[in-house]
C-alpha atoms as a PDB file:
ATOM      1  CA  UNK A   1     -10.800  -2.810  -5.895  1.00  0.00           C
ATOM      2  CA  UNK A   2     -12.186  -4.541  -2.246  1.00  0.00           C
ATOM      3  CA  UNK A   3     -13.314  -1.876  -0.082  1.00  0.00           C
ATOM      4  CA  UNK A   4     -10.453  -2.329   2.814  1.00  0.00           C
ATOM      5  CA  UNK A   5      -7.993  -1.389   0.255  1.00  0.00           C
ATOM      6  CA  UNK A   6      -9.879   2.051  -0.656  1.00  0.00           C
ATOM      7  CA  UNK A   7     -10.275   2.678   2.480  1.00  0.00           C
ATOM      8  CA  UNK A   8      -6.438   2.563   3.070  1.00  0.00           C
ATOM      9  CA  UNK A   9      -5.578   4.458  -0.417  1.00  0.00           C
ATOM     10  CA  UNK A  10      -7.998   7.271   0.879  1.00  0.00           C
ATOM     11  CA  UNK A  11      -6.285   7.101   5.109  1.00  0.00           C
ATOM     12  CA  UNK A  12      -2.846   7.157   3.323  1.00  0.00           C
ATOM     13  CA  UNK A  13      -3.978   9.685   0.391  1.00  0.00           C
ATOM     14  CA  UNK A  14      -5.599  12.247   3.857  1.00  0.00           C
ATOM     15  CA  UNK A  15      -2.681  11.373   5.765  1.00  0.00           C
ATOM     16  CA  UNK A  16       0.017  12.709   3.532  1.00  0.00           C
ATOM     17  CA  UNK A  17      -2.241  15.645   2.499  1.00  0.00           C
ATOM     18  CA  UNK A  18      -2.811  16.610   6.269  1.00  0.00           C
ATOM     19  CA  UNK A  19       0.802  15.785   6.991  1.00  0.00           C
ATOM     20  CA  UNK A  20       1.492  18.569   4.374  1.00  0.00           C
ATOM     21  CA  UNK A  21       0.347  21.599   6.572  1.00  0.00           C
ATOM     22  CA  UNK A  22       3.174  21.282   8.241  1.00  0.00           C
ATOM     23  CA  UNK A  23       4.669  23.562   5.355  1.00  0.00           C
ATOM     24  CA  UNK A  24       2.131  26.190   5.647  1.00  0.00           C
ATOM     25  CA  UNK A  25       2.280  26.077   9.343  1.00  0.00           C
ATOM     26  CA  UNK A  26       5.465  26.991   9.444  1.00  0.00           C
ATOM     27  CA  UNK A  27       4.511  29.969   6.643  1.00  0.00           C
ATOM     28  CA  UNK A  28       2.233  31.157   8.728  1.00  0.00           C
ATOM     29  CA  UNK A  29       3.439  30.828  12.498  1.00  0.00           C
ATOM     30  CA  UNK A  30       3.860  34.758  12.569  1.00  0.00           C
ATOM     31  CA  UNK A  31       0.880  36.266  10.092  1.00  0.00           C
ATOM     32  CA  UNK A  32      -1.593  34.223  11.302  1.00  0.00           C
ATOM     33  CA  UNK A  33      -0.926  31.856  14.717  1.00  0.00           C
ATOM     34  CA  UNK A  34      -4.417  30.955  15.174  1.00  0.00           C
ATOM     35  CA  UNK A  35      -4.219  29.455  11.483  1.00  0.00           C
ATOM     36  CA  UNK A  36      -0.990  27.817  12.571  1.00  0.00           C
ATOM     37  CA  UNK A  37      -2.647  25.818  15.527  1.00  0.00           C
ATOM     38  CA  UNK A  38      -5.231  24.576  13.679  1.00  0.00           C
ATOM     39  CA  UNK A  39      -2.797  23.499  10.863  1.00  0.00           C
ATOM     40  CA  UNK A  40      -0.829  21.924  13.375  1.00  0.00           C
ATOM     41  CA  UNK A  41      -3.761  19.621  14.952  1.00  0.00           C
ATOM     42  CA  UNK A  42      -4.613  18.319  10.797  1.00  0.00           C
ATOM     43  CA  UNK A  43      -0.596  17.019  10.448  1.00  0.00           C
ATOM     44  CA  UNK A  44      -0.978  15.813  13.757  1.00  0.00           C
ATOM     45  CA  UNK A  45      -4.460  13.709  12.684  1.00  0.00           C
ATOM     46  CA  UNK A  46      -2.158  12.625   9.620  1.00  0.00           C
ATOM     47  CA  UNK A  47       0.338  11.125  11.439  1.00  0.00           C
ATOM     48  CA  UNK A  48      -1.986   9.097  13.159  1.00  0.00           C
ATOM     49  CA  UNK A  49      -4.168   8.524   9.531  1.00  0.00           C
ATOM     50  CA  UNK A  50      -1.094   6.579   8.540  1.00  0.00           C
ATOM     51  CA  UNK A  51      -0.886   4.602  11.205  1.00  0.00           C
ATOM     52  CA  UNK A  52      -5.027   3.722  10.789  1.00  0.00           C
ATOM     53  CA  UNK A  53      -3.805   2.153   7.290  1.00  0.00           C
ATOM     54  CA  UNK A  54      -2.366  -0.729   8.562  1.00  0.00           C
ATOM     55  CA  UNK A  55      -5.172  -1.687  10.822  1.00  0.00           C
ATOM     56  CA  UNK A  56      -8.022   0.339   9.601  1.00  0.00           C
ATOM     57  CA  UNK A  57     -11.164  -1.803  11.957  1.00  0.00           C
ATOM     58  CA  UNK A  58      -9.130  -1.214  14.666  1.00  0.00           C
ATOM     59  CA  UNK A  59      -8.941   2.507  14.579  1.00  0.00           C
ATOM     60  CA  UNK A  60     -13.147   2.755  13.585  1.00  0.00           C
ATOM     61  CA  UNK A  61     -13.580   6.160  16.068  1.00  0.00           C
ATOM     62  CA  UNK A  62     -10.068   7.718  14.755  1.00  0.00           C
ATOM     63  CA  UNK A  63     -12.454   7.308  11.324  1.00  0.00           C
ATOM     64  CA  UNK A  64     -15.321   8.832  12.326  1.00  0.00           C
ATOM     65  CA  UNK A  65     -13.375  11.425  13.502  1.00  0.00           C
ATOM     66  CA  UNK A  66     -11.683  12.689  10.375  1.00  0.00           C
ATOM     67  CA  UNK A  67     -15.242  12.413   8.386  1.00  0.00           C
ATOM     68  CA  UNK A  68     -17.280  14.389  10.488  1.00  0.00           C
ATOM     69  CA  UNK A  69     -14.802  16.721  11.829  1.00  0.00           C
ATOM     70  CA  UNK A  70     -14.066  17.259   8.310  1.00  0.00           C
ATOM     71  CA  UNK A  71     -17.586  17.921   7.752  1.00  0.00           C
ATOM     72  CA  UNK A  72     -18.276  20.354  10.615  1.00  0.00           C
ATOM     73  CA  UNK A  73     -14.778  22.307   9.183  1.00  0.00           C
ATOM     74  CA  UNK A  74     -16.323  21.924   5.532  1.00  0.00           C
ATOM     75  CA  UNK A  75     -20.088  23.703   6.797  1.00  0.00           C
ATOM     76  CA  UNK A  76     -18.130  26.321   8.423  1.00  0.00           C
ATOM     77  CA  UNK A  77     -15.976  27.088   6.545  1.00  0.00           C
ATOM     78  CA  UNK A  78     -18.623  27.060   3.593  1.00  0.00           C
ATOM     79  CA  UNK A  79     -20.758  29.123   5.444  1.00  0.00           C
ATOM     80  CA  UNK A  80     -18.087  31.579   6.447  1.00  0.00           C
ATOM     81  CA  UNK A  81     -17.356  32.060   2.415  1.00  0.00           C
ATOM     82  CA  UNK A  82     -20.796  32.689   1.539  1.00  0.00           C
ATOM     83  CA  UNK A  83     -21.320  35.246   4.263  1.00  0.00           C
ATOM     84  CA  UNK A  84     -17.987  36.790   2.229  1.00  0.00           C
ATOM     85  CA  UNK A  85     -16.426  36.532   5.714  1.00  0.00           C
ATOM     86  CA  UNK A  86     -13.817  34.976   4.825  1.00  0.00           C
ATOM     87  CA  UNK A  87     -12.264  34.623   0.919  1.00  0.00           C
ATOM     88  CA  UNK A  88     -14.629  33.100  -1.276  1.00  0.00           C
ATOM     89  CA  UNK A  89     -11.507  30.671  -2.529  1.00  0.00           C
ATOM     90  CA  UNK A  90     -11.809  28.986   0.412  1.00  0.00           C
ATOM     91  CA  UNK A  91     -14.707  26.869  -1.379  1.00  0.00           C
ATOM     92  CA  UNK A  92     -12.342  24.993  -2.662  1.00  0.00           C
ATOM     93  CA  UNK A  93     -10.937  23.908   0.498  1.00  0.00           C
ATOM     94  CA  UNK A  94     -14.955  23.028   1.186  1.00  0.00           C
ATOM     95  CA  UNK A  95     -15.112  20.477  -1.715  1.00  0.00           C
ATOM     96  CA  UNK A  96     -11.477  18.468  -0.676  1.00  0.00           C
ATOM     97  CA  UNK A  97     -13.091  18.159   3.037  1.00  0.00           C
ATOM     98  CA  UNK A  98     -16.550  16.985   1.687  1.00  0.00           C
ATOM     99  CA  UNK A  99     -14.499  14.815  -0.330  1.00  0.00           C
ATOM    100  CA  UNK A 100     -12.977  13.211   2.379  1.00  0.00           C
ATOM    101  CA  UNK A 101     -16.047  13.291   4.181  1.00  0.00           C
ATOM    102  CA  UNK A 102     -17.832  11.223   1.889  1.00  0.00           C
ATOM    103  CA  UNK A 103     -15.388   8.592   1.190  1.00  0.00           C
ATOM    104  CA  UNK A 104     -14.467   7.844   4.797  1.00  0.00           C
ATOM    105  CA  UNK A 105     -18.174   7.575   5.723  1.00  0.00           C
ATOM    106  CA  UNK A 106     -18.513   5.362   2.463  1.00  0.00           C
ATOM    107  CA  UNK A 107     -15.433   2.827   3.336  1.00  0.00           C
ATOM    108  CA  UNK A 108     -15.602   3.388   7.022  1.00  0.00           C
ATOM    109  CA  UNK A 109     -14.667  -0.035   8.492  1.00  0.00           C
ATOM    110  CA  UNK A 110     -18.050  -2.258   9.493  1.00  0.00           C
ATOM    111  CA  UNK A 111     -18.830  -2.498  13.267  1.00  0.00           C
ATOM    112  CA  UNK A 112     -17.331  -5.730  14.988  1.00  0.00           C
ATOM    113  CA  UNK A 113     -19.795  -8.064  15.030  1.00  0.00           C
END
């Protein structure tokens, strides 16, 4: 499988995963308003990642933002889990975000010549 095709598959999977945040968004809208706001951003990002599947090279900055914001979120959430600010179960999310970061950085489209 070539790099471009692998990137398209990763973008599609991550986009769908982020759009799946819509379900918990509606579940937590009253219980956890801050979580709902964050999930709304992820769902919106998921839609744009699906748009990027067609032409990843034209969406380099979106792909970079997704990768690096995933790393930032993973570092913060991991630190909070280790310090018992949030539940240890959040480390599963940390692992998922780190995998997203690794995949998107490794497959990122090259800079145009």
